[in-house]
Each structure stands twice: as structure tokens, then as C-alpha cells.
Amino acid sequence: MALSPSLNLRQSQSLVMTPQLLQSIRLLQLTHVELEQFIAGEIERNPLLAREDGEGPATPAREEAAAPNTSEAMADRLDSSLENLFPDDPGRHESIGPDLSAQWRSAGGNGLTGGGDWNLEAIAAEPVTLRAHVREQIAFCFEAPAERLLALELAEGLDEAGYLTADMEEIAVRTGAELALLERVLSTCQTFDPAGLFARSLAECLALQLKARDRLDPAMEGLLANLDLLAKRDFQALKRLCRVDEEDLIEMLGEIRALDPKPGTAFSTAAADPVVPDVTVRSAADGGWAVELNQEALPRVLVDQTYFATVSARAGKEDKAFLTDCLQSANWLARSLDQRARTILKVASEIVRQQDAFLLHGVRHLRPLKLRDVAEAIGMHESTVSRVAANKYMMTPRGLFELRYFFTAALAAADGGEAHSAEAVRERIRRLVEAEDAKNVLSDDAIMDILREDGIDVARRTVAKYREGMNIPSSVQRRREKKALAGVGA
């Protein structure tokens, strides 16, 4: 049989991930802050996009609307204000008014900076940083230039908590200073306010603070040298090593708790971003639940069709092709944002429907729920529900929760009834531990027996895993701590 090349037409269907589809999937899993940043970048690149609140690129229509709010108009209003202020003294107005008006015009409209609105934050005092606070004390405490330079080198080695992370020998080699001189400079720096700065370990940080309070006696030094035993709550060993009785040890532990293990964090200027809920749930008039999207976390964009029609009518071939691409991208982004909002609302509504008992009675009634259960109920793929649940928050009458909080594993019931949520079991263990006293500390086996009496089929190793996940110490450590706390109360 001879082989020869030939051309054949074949028709087939396949799923292709287009760039627009990839963008929709990406938008679905973005957080509120990430979505705002993404939209801001799209608005900067696409001249046809604008926010629904009016923020966006400057089109001719917007420029004409913004024309009256110029520095010239503000200066004219300033002149008229001066006339009203000095109606009986025109000469004083002439001597003051033109200068102020000229300053206003030269300053660009706000009298302080070259353009923009009045910004109170621009003239407010900036927060003091840790390094600025330390440098100010270095300037007063060191007179010799060599010591001052060494102190500044040490200050550069401080981390955010106020600990000295730089190597002393490396600094001595780099600066050519004697190690003994560097140690003396460090000793002076360790007297700075707040106490505990320039410490090289947690024990040294606490020791500096106790020294500033005149409480660093040999017993305290023994306690600081055995912080690992304190973490294990081995109070018997601490009493033996520190050579104190139980009453003195309890008093020492109270002083340790009053210290600040990270003194430098008081100068931290990093602002924490607040969590903005994507969905709010409230009681409805009919006894059910009203699930609504949070409008503050729902950015909306507008497509400027008028600007597109005006510019494309006078644009060349290449410019018209660019504007057409921008229009398609803008329309797709608007539809993607709308679809994202609908999907979040649909998933949140199904979660509320299935976790109705939790909203009414609390975490002990949280049902076990899987992504697949919600996906089958709303007719979506499980991966879509997973993307929606990631980094999205719901404000409920019970508090603010991440959507993933409602998806928990199931633990079988001891009597063969309805399964229990793993999160509800954790809450049950936590409450049992909180209700303990020094004479009745529950072991993992005892907690397992109590849970089984409540109809929860759970193994001892599962109880231990959940307890460790909540940072709850073992029964031996809890017994030591509760005895110590009981002694404080007595």
C-alpha cells in the first residue's frame, strides 16, 4: 500500500481556556483589597473604564465639569471673602487680598501643595519610628563621636520588636572598634527607654525590664535562666532551682506576666487592614434570613460608551482598533464583576440555608458541610465554590466569619444518628477545659468519655489533635498552672 500526503477536514469540539475566562476565574478568588487594586490598574490602562462613583480617567466631558473647580476660581472666591471680611477698610483688603490671592494661585489651589484638595494628613505629625526614637536618645547619651557612631551601628541592627539581631563581632571587625568598647556602648544603649531595647534574647529583654524596676534578684535570674521550664509549667522544678517557696514563685510569675516581651512594637507604624465582609446576614421579617451583598465591598465599573463613540469617529485605523479592544475588555470586566457578585451571593445563601441552626443557637449546632454539598445544591462545580469560599467573609448575628469556617469535617455519632461538625467538637472540648478546676483536670481519655456520652464517637488521639490545634496544654501542664493560679487567688 502506497503512502501519500492528503488534506482532510475534521470537525471537533473542545474546551478552551480563553483569556477572558481566566480573568473571570481569577476575579472570583480575589479578596476585596486585591480586587480594588486590580480594578485600579485596569482603569489606569483602559480609558473607557470608570468607577460608578465617578472616579476614573479624565474625558472631555469630565474636564469641562471639573473646570470651575480650579485655583483661579478659588482665588476669586478668596477675593470676595476678603471684601466681606473688611467691608469698612478697603485699603486693608487691598494690602492683604492680592498677596493671598497670588499665593493661592501660585500654590495651585490649596495654599500648601501644587494642586489637589486640602489634605489634613499632609500637615499632621508623623508617628515616631523605633529608629528615630533610639537616635534621639543616642544624641543625648553619647558625647564622643566614636561611641555615637558605634551606637548608630547597633541601632541599625534592631528588628521591629526592639531586639538586637546584628553580630557584635562582625560590627567590631567592620568598624575597627575594640569589642570591649562596643560592649560598653551596648550596655548604655540597653538603658534606653522603653526598657528592654537592644536585648539579644527574650531572657535578656525581661532581665533589662526587671533591672529597671530594681527587681532583678538571684531568684529572678534563676527563673529567667529556665524559661523553658516556665513554658512547660514545671513549677516544682522552678521552685527548686530558684530556691523559693510556692508563694514567692507565684509572685515572681505575676511580675513576669506584667513585662513586655516585644518593647519595640510600640513604635510600629504598620496599619492593619480591616476585614470588610463581602456578605451580610440579618434576620428577616418572615422569620428567615436576609442575605445581601455588602455594597462597600462590591466595586462597580462603568463603560463610557459616549467617549468611545466621540473618539472613534475621529480616530485612525490603529486608534480605532485600540479603542475597540478597550471596549471589549471593559464590557467583559463589567460582566465578570457582575457574575462574581451573583456567584458569591448564591454560595452564601446556600451556606446560610444549611447552617440555619448555627445562626440560631451557636457553634455547637454547626453542621458538617462539604464543598461538594453546596456545589450540588446550586448547580456549580466544586472548584468554583472553593474559589468563592477563599478569603471571603460573612457578617452574621453571631459575628464575622470566613466562608471556609462553615465547611468542616464530619465526626460520626455514637448512636448512629446525625454526624457532628469537627468545629462544634472543638468548641465542646474548649468549654470542657475552661470549666475545669485545679482538683478536677480532665485528661484526654476523660474528655473522650464525656463526648461519647454526648453522642460523639471520637478517639482519644482525635481529642489530643484538636486540643493541640487550639494551643491547649496537656492535663499535667494545666493542673500545674491551675494550682499556681489558685494560689494567686488565695
Protein backbone atom coordinates (compact mmCIF):
# COMPACT_ATOMS: atom_id res chain seq x y z
CA MET A 1 0.00 0.00 0.00
CA ALA A 2 1.49 3.33 -1.10
CA LEU A 3 1.75 6.24 1.32
CA SER A 4 0.87 9.72 0.10
CA PRO A 5 0.07 13.03 1.79
CA SER A 6 -3.53 14.26 1.79
CA LEU A 7 -5.71 17.02 3.27
CA ASN A 8 -8.74 16.16 5.40
CA LEU A 9 -11.31 18.38 7.15
CA ARG A 10 -12.33 17.26 10.62
CA GLN A 11 -14.82 18.95 12.94
CA SER A 12 -14.48 18.55 16.72
CA GLN A 13 -15.43 20.28 19.95
CA SER A 14 -13.09 21.10 22.82
CA LEU A 15 -12.98 23.30 25.90
CA VAL A 16 -10.50 26.17 25.61
CA MET A 17 -9.47 28.47 28.46
CA THR A 18 -9.73 31.88 26.85
CA PRO A 19 -8.02 34.91 28.45
CA GLN A 20 -11.45 36.28 29.37
CA LEU A 21 -12.40 33.05 31.15
CA LEU A 22 -9.10 33.01 33.01
CA GLN A 23 -9.77 36.58 34.10
CA SER A 24 -13.22 35.64 35.43
CA ILE A 25 -11.76 32.75 37.41
CA ARG A 26 -9.06 35.00 38.81
CA LEU A 27 -11.57 37.68 39.84
CA LEU A 28 -13.64 35.08 41.68
CA GLN A 29 -10.86 34.20 44.11
CA LEU A 30 -9.51 37.72 44.70
CA THR A 31 -10.03 39.35 48.09
CA HIS A 32 -11.65 42.76 48.44
CA VAL A 33 -8.30 44.56 48.67
CA GLU A 34 -6.81 42.62 45.74
CA LEU A 35 -9.90 43.30 43.65
CA GLU A 36 -9.66 47.03 44.33
CA GLN A 37 -6.03 47.02 43.24
CA PHE A 38 -6.85 45.05 40.10
CA ILE A 39 -9.67 47.41 39.12
CA ALA A 40 -7.49 50.45 39.78
CA GLY A 41 -4.88 49.03 37.40
CA GLU A 42 -7.50 48.31 34.73
CA ILE A 43 -8.92 51.83 35.00
CA GLU A 44 -5.42 53.25 34.60
CA ARG A 45 -4.81 51.18 31.45
CA ASN A 46 -8.26 51.42 29.88
CA PRO A 47 -9.53 54.94 29.03
CA LEU A 48 -13.12 53.67 28.68
CA LEU A 49 -13.40 52.42 32.25
CA ALA A 50 -14.55 54.47 35.22
CA ARG A 51 -15.85 53.72 38.66
CA GLU A 52 -19.52 54.05 39.35
CA ASP A 53 -18.76 56.72 41.98
CA GLY A 54 -17.21 58.92 39.31
CA GLU A 55 -13.52 58.13 39.72
CA GLY A 56 -11.76 57.34 36.50
CA PRO A 57 -9.90 58.79 33.52
CA ALA A 58 -10.44 62.40 32.53
CA THR A 59 -12.67 62.57 29.46
CA PRO A 60 -13.59 65.85 27.74
CA ALA A 61 -16.98 65.85 29.46
CA ARG A 62 -15.39 65.32 32.85
CA GLU A 63 -12.78 68.01 32.22
CA GLU A 64 -15.47 70.56 31.37
CA ALA A 65 -17.41 69.62 34.50
CA ALA A 66 -14.30 69.99 36.61
CA ALA A 67 -13.27 73.33 35.06
CA PRO A 68 -14.96 75.61 37.66
CA ASN A 69 -13.02 73.94 40.49
CA THR A 70 -9.67 75.46 39.53
CA SER A 71 -7.25 77.55 41.55
CA GLU A 72 -8.36 80.68 39.65
CA ALA A 73 -11.95 80.18 40.74
CA MET A 74 -10.82 79.55 44.32
CA ALA A 75 -8.73 82.73 44.25
CA ASP A 76 -11.73 84.74 43.02
CA ARG A 77 -13.79 83.36 45.87
CA LEU A 78 -10.98 84.30 48.25
CA ASP A 79 -11.10 87.89 46.97
CA SER A 80 -14.84 88.08 47.55
CA SER A 81 -14.42 86.64 51.03
CA LEU A 82 -11.86 89.32 51.89
CA GLU A 83 -14.25 92.01 50.70
CA ASN A 84 -16.91 90.66 53.04
CA LEU A 85 -14.37 90.39 55.86
CA PHE A 86 -13.17 94.03 55.59
CA PRO A 87 -16.14 96.00 54.22
CA ASP A 88 -15.14 99.22 56.02
CA ASP A 89 -11.41 99.09 55.30
CA PRO A 90 -10.81 98.60 51.55
CA GLY A 91 -7.17 99.56 51.95
CA ARG A 92 -6.58 96.68 54.29
CA HIS A 93 -8.27 94.39 51.82
CA GLU A 94 -6.01 95.67 49.04
CA SER A 95 -2.89 95.05 51.15
CA ILE A 96 -3.92 91.57 52.17
CA GLY A 97 -6.14 90.29 49.41
CA PRO A 98 -3.81 90.39 46.36
CA ASP A 99 -0.97 88.72 48.25
CA LEU A 100 -3.18 85.93 49.47
CA SER A 101 -4.76 85.50 46.05
CA ALA A 102 -1.35 85.38 44.38
CA GLN A 103 -0.13 82.84 46.92
CA TRP A 104 -3.22 80.77 46.31
CA ARG A 105 -2.76 80.86 42.55
CA SER A 106 0.97 80.04 42.76
CA ALA A 107 0.33 77.20 45.19
CA GLY A 108 -2.02 75.51 42.76
CA GLY A 109 -5.27 75.97 44.63
CA ASN A 110 -4.75 74.61 48.14
CA GLY A 111 -2.24 77.06 49.61
CA LEU A 112 0.20 74.31 50.60
CA THR A 113 0.96 72.00 47.73
CA GLY A 114 0.90 72.20 43.97
CA GLY A 115 -2.64 71.03 43.28
CA GLY A 116 -5.30 68.81 44.76
CA ASP A 117 -7.69 69.19 47.66
CA TRP A 118 -6.89 70.22 51.20
CA ASN A 119 -5.25 67.27 52.92
CA LEU A 120 -5.12 67.43 56.71
CA GLU A 121 -2.88 64.35 56.86
CA ALA A 122 -0.21 66.27 54.91
CA ILE A 123 0.32 68.66 57.85
CA ALA A 124 -0.27 66.17 60.69
CA ALA A 125 2.66 64.96 62.74
CA GLU A 126 4.14 61.70 61.52
CA PRO A 127 4.36 58.83 64.01
CA VAL A 128 7.75 58.34 65.68
CA THR A 129 9.57 55.26 64.44
CA LEU A 130 11.69 53.00 66.62
CA ARG A 131 14.96 54.06 64.98
CA ALA A 132 14.11 57.77 65.26
CA HIS A 133 13.30 57.30 68.93
CA VAL A 134 16.59 55.49 69.52
CA ARG A 135 18.67 58.01 67.56
CA GLU A 136 17.28 60.83 69.65
CA GLN A 137 18.43 59.11 72.83
CA ILE A 138 21.83 58.33 71.27
CA ALA A 139 22.37 62.03 70.62
CA PHE A 140 21.87 62.82 74.33
CA CYS A 141 23.68 59.84 75.86
CA PHE A 142 26.93 59.80 73.86
CA GLU A 143 29.30 62.74 73.59
CA ALA A 144 32.29 61.00 71.98
CA PRO A 145 31.86 60.79 68.19
CA ALA A 146 33.31 57.25 68.09
CA GLU A 147 30.82 55.94 70.65
CA ARG A 148 27.97 57.71 68.91
CA LEU A 149 28.84 56.08 65.59
CA LEU A 150 29.01 52.66 67.24
CA ALA A 151 25.61 53.25 68.86
CA LEU A 152 24.14 54.15 65.47
CA GLU A 153 25.58 50.94 64.03
CA LEU A 154 23.88 48.98 66.79
CA ALA A 155 20.63 50.83 66.19
CA GLU A 156 20.67 49.69 62.56
CA GLY A 157 20.64 46.10 63.81
CA LEU A 158 17.34 46.41 65.70
CA ASP A 159 14.34 44.45 64.48
CA GLU A 160 10.71 45.50 64.80
CA ALA A 161 10.45 44.01 68.30
CA GLY A 162 13.46 46.01 69.54
CA TYR A 163 15.88 43.08 69.67
CA LEU A 164 19.49 43.40 68.51
CA THR A 165 19.94 40.95 65.65
CA ALA A 166 23.35 42.16 64.46
CA ASP A 167 26.50 40.21 65.34
CA MET A 168 28.74 42.10 67.77
CA GLU A 169 32.00 40.63 66.44
CA GLU A 170 31.01 41.44 62.85
CA ILE A 171 30.32 45.07 63.83
CA ALA A 172 33.65 45.27 65.64
CA VAL A 173 35.51 43.98 62.58
CA ARG A 174 33.65 46.27 60.20
CA THR A 175 34.13 49.41 62.28
CA GLY A 176 37.62 48.58 63.59
CA ALA A 177 36.50 49.13 67.20
CA GLU A 178 37.51 47.05 70.16
CA LEU A 179 34.95 44.53 71.31
CA ALA A 180 35.18 45.81 74.89
CA LEU A 181 34.28 49.35 73.76
CA LEU A 182 31.39 48.00 71.72
CA GLU A 183 30.11 46.10 74.76
CA ARG A 184 30.21 49.31 76.85
CA VAL A 185 28.24 51.16 74.18
CA LEU A 186 25.70 48.33 74.09
CA SER A 187 25.33 48.46 77.88
CA THR A 188 24.48 52.14 77.65
CA CYS A 189 22.01 51.53 74.82
CA GLN A 190 20.29 48.88 76.93
CA THR A 191 19.33 51.61 79.41
CA PHE A 192 17.25 53.41 76.79
CA ASP A 193 13.53 53.88 77.12
CA PRO A 194 11.47 51.73 76.88
CA ALA A 195 13.34 49.16 78.93
CA GLY A 196 14.21 46.00 77.06
CA LEU A 197 15.58 47.56 73.86
CA PHE A 198 18.84 46.20 72.42
CA ALA A 199 18.29 42.81 74.08
CA ARG A 200 19.72 39.79 72.31
CA SER A 201 17.28 37.23 73.71
CA LEU A 202 13.94 37.04 75.48
CA ALA A 203 15.61 36.35 78.80
CA GLU A 204 17.85 39.40 78.43
CA CYS A 205 14.87 41.57 77.41
CA LEU A 206 12.96 40.57 80.53
CA ALA A 207 16.08 40.99 82.66
CA LEU A 208 16.55 44.57 81.43
CA GLN A 209 12.99 45.44 82.35
CA LEU A 210 13.29 43.86 85.79
CA LYS A 211 16.59 45.68 86.33
CA ALA A 212 14.88 48.98 85.50
CA ARG A 213 12.30 48.13 88.20
CA ASP A 214 15.02 47.09 90.67
CA ARG A 215 13.61 43.54 90.80
CA LEU A 216 16.45 41.55 89.26
CA ASP A 217 17.48 39.45 92.26
CA PRO A 218 19.15 35.99 92.17
CA ALA A 219 15.78 34.23 92.29
CA MET A 220 14.59 36.17 89.24
CA GLU A 221 17.84 35.42 87.44
CA GLY A 222 17.28 31.72 88.08
CA LEU A 223 13.75 31.97 86.72
CA LEU A 224 14.90 33.77 83.56
CA ALA A 225 17.62 31.17 83.04
CA ASN A 226 14.94 28.44 82.94
CA LEU A 227 12.21 29.93 80.77
CA ASP A 228 11.84 26.56 79.05
CA LEU A 229 10.60 25.09 82.33
CA LEU A 230 8.22 28.01 82.71
CA ALA A 231 6.82 27.26 79.25
CA LYS A 232 6.28 23.64 80.33
CA ARG A 233 4.68 24.86 83.59
CA ASP A 234 7.05 22.74 85.63
CA PHE A 235 6.63 24.79 88.80
CA GLN A 236 8.12 22.20 91.11
CA ALA A 237 11.43 22.29 89.26
CA LEU A 238 11.36 26.10 89.19
CA LYS A 239 10.85 26.30 92.94
CA ARG A 240 13.84 24.02 93.44
CA LEU A 241 16.12 25.89 91.02
CA CYS A 242 15.12 29.37 92.19
CA ARG A 243 15.17 28.30 95.87
CA VAL A 244 11.84 29.90 96.64
CA ASP A 245 8.57 28.64 98.07
CA GLU A 246 5.28 28.48 96.19
CA GLU A 247 4.10 31.90 97.35
CA ASP A 248 7.28 33.64 96.15
CA LEU A 249 7.16 31.79 92.84
CA ILE A 250 3.58 32.89 92.23
CA GLU A 251 4.58 36.50 92.93
CA MET A 252 7.51 36.19 90.52
CA LEU A 253 5.25 34.78 87.80
CA GLY A 254 2.92 37.74 88.22
CA GLU A 255 5.82 40.13 87.67
CA ILE A 256 6.93 38.24 84.56
CA ARG A 257 3.43 38.46 83.08
CA ALA A 258 3.47 42.24 83.54
CA LEU A 259 6.57 42.65 81.33
CA ASP A 260 6.59 43.41 77.60
CA PRO A 261 8.42 40.73 75.58
CA LYS A 262 8.47 42.99 72.48
CA PRO A 263 9.12 46.58 73.58
CA GLY A 264 9.84 47.81 70.07
CA THR A 265 6.36 47.07 68.75
CA ALA A 266 5.04 50.20 70.48
CA PHE A 267 6.63 52.20 67.65
CA SER A 268 5.26 50.05 64.85
CA THR A 269 3.64 52.20 62.18
CA ALA A 270 2.19 49.40 60.07
CA ALA A 271 -1.58 49.72 59.91
CA ALA A 272 -3.62 46.54 59.85
CA ASP A 273 -6.14 46.34 57.06
CA PRO A 274 -9.65 45.92 58.45
CA VAL A 275 -11.64 42.90 57.32
CA VAL A 276 -14.51 44.01 55.10
CA PRO A 277 -17.37 41.48 54.94
CA ASP A 278 -18.44 40.51 51.44
CA VAL A 279 -21.88 39.34 52.57
CA THR A 280 -24.16 40.42 55.41
CA VAL A 281 -26.82 38.23 57.01
CA ARG A 282 -29.65 39.63 59.11
CA SER A 283 -32.98 38.43 60.42
CA ALA A 284 -35.84 38.87 58.01
CA ALA A 285 -39.39 39.89 58.87
CA ASP A 286 -40.76 36.45 57.93
CA GLY A 287 -38.52 34.70 60.47
CA GLY A 288 -35.87 33.67 57.94
CA TRP A 289 -32.56 35.21 56.97
CA ALA A 290 -31.88 38.04 54.54
CA VAL A 291 -28.59 37.54 52.68
CA GLU A 292 -27.24 40.67 50.99
CA LEU A 293 -24.02 41.69 49.31
CA ASN A 294 -22.02 44.38 51.06
CA GLN A 295 -22.07 47.34 48.69
CA GLU A 296 -18.83 48.71 50.16
CA ALA A 297 -17.02 45.51 49.14
CA LEU A 298 -18.69 45.40 45.73
CA PRO A 299 -16.76 47.60 43.29
CA ARG A 300 -18.64 48.56 40.15
CA VAL A 301 -17.26 49.96 36.91
CA LEU A 302 -18.90 51.89 34.10
CA VAL A 303 -18.08 51.72 30.41
CA ASP A 304 -18.01 55.18 28.82
CA GLN A 305 -19.86 54.49 25.57
CA THR A 306 -20.22 58.22 24.81
CA TYR A 307 -16.49 58.80 24.98
CA PHE A 308 -15.90 55.75 22.77
CA ALA A 309 -18.35 56.99 20.11
CA THR A 310 -16.91 60.51 20.17
CA VAL A 311 -13.25 59.49 19.86
CA SER A 312 -13.65 56.54 17.48
CA ALA A 313 -15.49 58.72 14.95
CA ARG A 314 -12.34 60.84 14.50
CA ALA A 315 -9.69 58.18 15.14
CA GLY A 316 -7.48 56.46 12.61
CA LYS A 317 -7.44 52.78 11.83
CA GLU A 318 -4.91 51.80 14.50
CA ASP A 319 -6.50 54.01 17.15
CA LYS A 320 -9.95 52.64 16.34
CA ALA A 321 -8.66 49.06 16.72
CA PHE A 322 -7.16 50.01 20.10
CA LEU A 323 -10.43 51.57 21.25
CA THR A 324 -12.38 48.50 20.12
CA ASP A 325 -10.13 46.23 22.17
CA CYS A 326 -10.54 48.54 25.15
CA LEU A 327 -14.33 48.45 24.74
CA GLN A 328 -14.40 44.65 24.61
CA SER A 329 -12.13 44.40 27.66
CA ALA A 330 -14.23 46.91 29.59
CA ASN A 331 -17.51 45.15 28.77
CA TRP A 332 -16.06 41.79 29.76
CA LEU A 333 -14.75 43.19 33.06
CA ALA A 334 -18.16 44.66 33.89
CA ARG A 335 -19.87 41.34 33.15
CA SER A 336 -17.23 39.42 35.14
CA LEU A 337 -17.74 41.61 38.18
CA ASP A 338 -21.49 41.13 37.96
CA GLN A 339 -21.10 37.36 37.61
CA ARG A 340 -18.70 37.34 40.56
CA ALA A 341 -21.24 39.13 42.75
CA ARG A 342 -24.02 36.74 41.73
CA THR A 343 -21.87 33.68 42.43
CA ILE A 344 -20.82 34.91 45.88
CA LEU A 345 -24.44 35.66 46.77
CA LYS A 346 -25.60 32.25 45.57
CA VAL A 347 -22.94 30.37 47.55
CA ALA A 348 -23.52 32.47 50.68
CA SER A 349 -27.29 31.94 50.50
CA GLU A 350 -26.86 28.17 50.34
CA ILE A 351 -24.45 28.23 53.30
CA VAL A 352 -26.98 30.20 55.33
CA ARG A 353 -29.74 27.76 54.39
CA GLN A 354 -27.73 24.76 55.50
CA GLN A 355 -26.28 26.39 58.64
CA ASP A 356 -29.55 27.83 59.93
CA ALA A 357 -29.15 26.08 63.31
CA PHE A 358 -25.73 27.69 63.81
CA LEU A 359 -27.13 31.18 63.25
CA LEU A 360 -29.95 30.48 65.73
CA HIS A 361 -28.19 28.57 68.51
CA GLY A 362 -24.42 28.94 68.13
CA VAL A 363 -21.34 26.93 67.21
CA ARG A 364 -22.46 23.75 69.00
CA HIS A 365 -25.14 23.39 66.29
CA LEU A 366 -22.74 23.86 63.36
CA ARG A 367 -23.43 21.13 60.81
CA PRO A 368 -20.69 19.25 58.92
CA LEU A 369 -20.59 20.66 55.40
CA LYS A 370 -18.51 19.92 52.32
CA LEU A 371 -17.82 21.97 49.23
CA ARG A 372 -19.45 19.27 47.15
CA ASP A 373 -22.74 19.62 49.07
CA VAL A 374 -23.03 23.31 48.27
CA ALA A 375 -21.85 22.81 44.68
CA GLU A 376 -24.53 20.18 44.01
CA ALA A 377 -27.24 22.31 45.62
CA ILE A 378 -26.57 25.41 43.49
CA GLY A 379 -25.53 23.59 40.31
CA MET A 380 -21.90 24.71 40.19
CA HIS A 381 -18.55 22.98 40.12
CA GLU A 382 -16.83 22.25 43.41
CA SER A 383 -13.75 24.25 42.37
CA THR A 384 -15.95 27.31 41.84
CA VAL A 385 -17.34 27.05 45.35
CA SER A 386 -13.79 26.62 46.68
CA ARG A 387 -12.67 29.85 44.99
CA VAL A 388 -15.67 31.73 46.36
CA ALA A 389 -15.07 30.48 49.92
CA ALA A 390 -11.40 31.53 49.90
CA ASN A 391 -10.77 34.88 51.65
CA LYS A 392 -14.44 35.91 51.64
CA TYR A 393 -16.16 36.94 54.86
CA MET A 394 -19.74 36.90 56.08
CA MET A 395 -21.14 39.20 58.76
CA THR A 396 -23.77 37.33 60.77
CA PRO A 397 -25.64 37.96 64.04
CA ARG A 398 -23.07 35.56 65.56
CA GLY A 399 -20.09 37.60 64.37
CA LEU A 400 -17.76 37.83 61.39
CA PHE A 401 -16.72 34.51 59.84
CA GLU A 402 -14.77 33.43 56.80
CA LEU A 403 -16.86 31.37 54.40
CA ARG A 404 -14.46 28.44 54.81
CA TYR A 405 -15.34 28.37 58.51
CA PHE A 406 -18.69 26.78 57.64
CA PHE A 407 -17.06 23.88 55.75
CA THR A 408 -15.93 21.39 58.38
CA ALA A 409 -15.30 17.66 58.53
CA ALA A 410 -17.88 15.28 59.98
CA LEU A 411 -17.47 13.11 63.07
CA ALA A 412 -19.76 10.11 63.35
CA ALA A 413 -22.41 9.95 66.07
CA ALA A 414 -22.03 7.26 68.72
CA ASP A 415 -25.67 6.19 68.38
CA GLY A 416 -25.65 6.17 64.58
CA GLY A 417 -27.54 9.45 64.33
CA GLU A 418 -26.63 12.68 62.52
CA ALA A 419 -22.90 13.41 62.24
CA HIS A 420 -21.27 16.20 64.23
CA SER A 421 -19.16 19.04 62.90
CA ALA A 422 -15.47 18.99 63.79
CA GLU A 423 -15.63 22.69 64.66
CA ALA A 424 -18.51 22.04 67.07
CA VAL A 425 -16.47 19.29 68.72
CA ARG A 426 -13.51 21.65 69.14
CA GLU A 427 -15.79 24.19 70.79
CA ARG A 428 -17.12 21.47 73.10
CA ILE A 429 -13.55 20.49 74.12
CA ARG A 430 -12.63 24.11 74.74
CA ARG A 431 -15.64 24.64 77.01
CA LEU A 432 -14.86 21.47 78.96
CA VAL A 433 -11.30 22.68 79.58
CA GLU A 434 -12.47 26.15 80.62
CA ALA A 435 -14.84 24.62 83.18
CA GLU A 436 -12.04 22.69 84.90
CA ASP A 437 -10.69 23.47 88.33
CA ALA A 438 -7.38 22.57 89.96
CA LYS A 439 -8.88 19.48 91.64
CA ASN A 440 -10.65 18.13 88.55
CA VAL A 441 -8.46 18.45 85.46
CA LEU A 442 -9.72 16.32 82.58
CA SER A 443 -7.36 14.05 80.71
CA ASP A 444 -7.81 13.29 77.02
CA ASP A 445 -9.40 9.95 77.94
CA ALA A 446 -11.86 11.68 80.27
CA ILE A 447 -12.79 14.20 77.57
CA MET A 448 -13.28 11.33 75.12
CA ASP A 449 -15.67 9.60 77.56
CA ILE A 450 -17.69 12.79 78.07
CA LEU A 451 -18.01 13.36 74.33
CA ARG A 452 -19.13 9.79 73.78
CA GLU A 453 -21.77 10.21 76.46
CA ASP A 454 -22.98 13.23 74.45
CA GLY A 455 -23.27 11.01 71.36
CA ILE A 456 -19.98 11.95 69.64
CA ASP A 457 -17.89 8.99 68.51
CA VAL A 458 -14.35 10.33 68.81
CA ALA A 459 -10.99 8.69 69.53
CA ARG A 460 -8.52 9.83 72.17
CA ARG A 461 -5.90 10.77 69.55
CA THR A 462 -8.52 12.97 67.85
CA VAL A 463 -9.16 14.75 71.14
CA ALA A 464 -5.42 15.29 71.55
CA LYS A 465 -5.10 16.62 68.00
CA TYR A 466 -7.95 19.10 68.44
CA ARG A 467 -6.61 20.17 71.84
CA GLU A 468 -3.12 20.83 70.48
CA GLY A 469 -4.61 22.66 67.49
CA MET A 470 -6.25 25.11 69.92
CA ASN A 471 -2.94 25.55 71.84
CA ILE A 472 -4.38 23.91 74.95
CA PRO A 473 -1.64 22.27 77.06
CA SER A 474 -1.82 18.73 78.37
CA SER A 475 -3.68 17.81 81.55
CA VAL A 476 -0.41 17.67 83.53
CA GLN A 477 0.59 21.19 82.50
CA ARG A 478 -2.94 22.53 83.06
CA ARG A 479 -3.01 21.05 86.56
CA ARG A 480 0.25 22.82 87.46
CA GLU A 481 -0.95 26.13 86.08
CA LYS A 482 -4.35 25.97 87.74
CA LYS A 483 -2.73 25.19 91.09
CA ALA A 484 -0.50 28.24 90.65
CA LEU A 485 -3.44 30.42 89.69
CA ALA A 486 -5.41 29.09 92.66
CA GLY A 487 -2.52 30.12 94.89
CA VAL A 488 -2.62 33.64 93.41
CA GLY A 489 -6.34 33.86 94.14
CA ALA A 490 -5.84 32.72 97.70
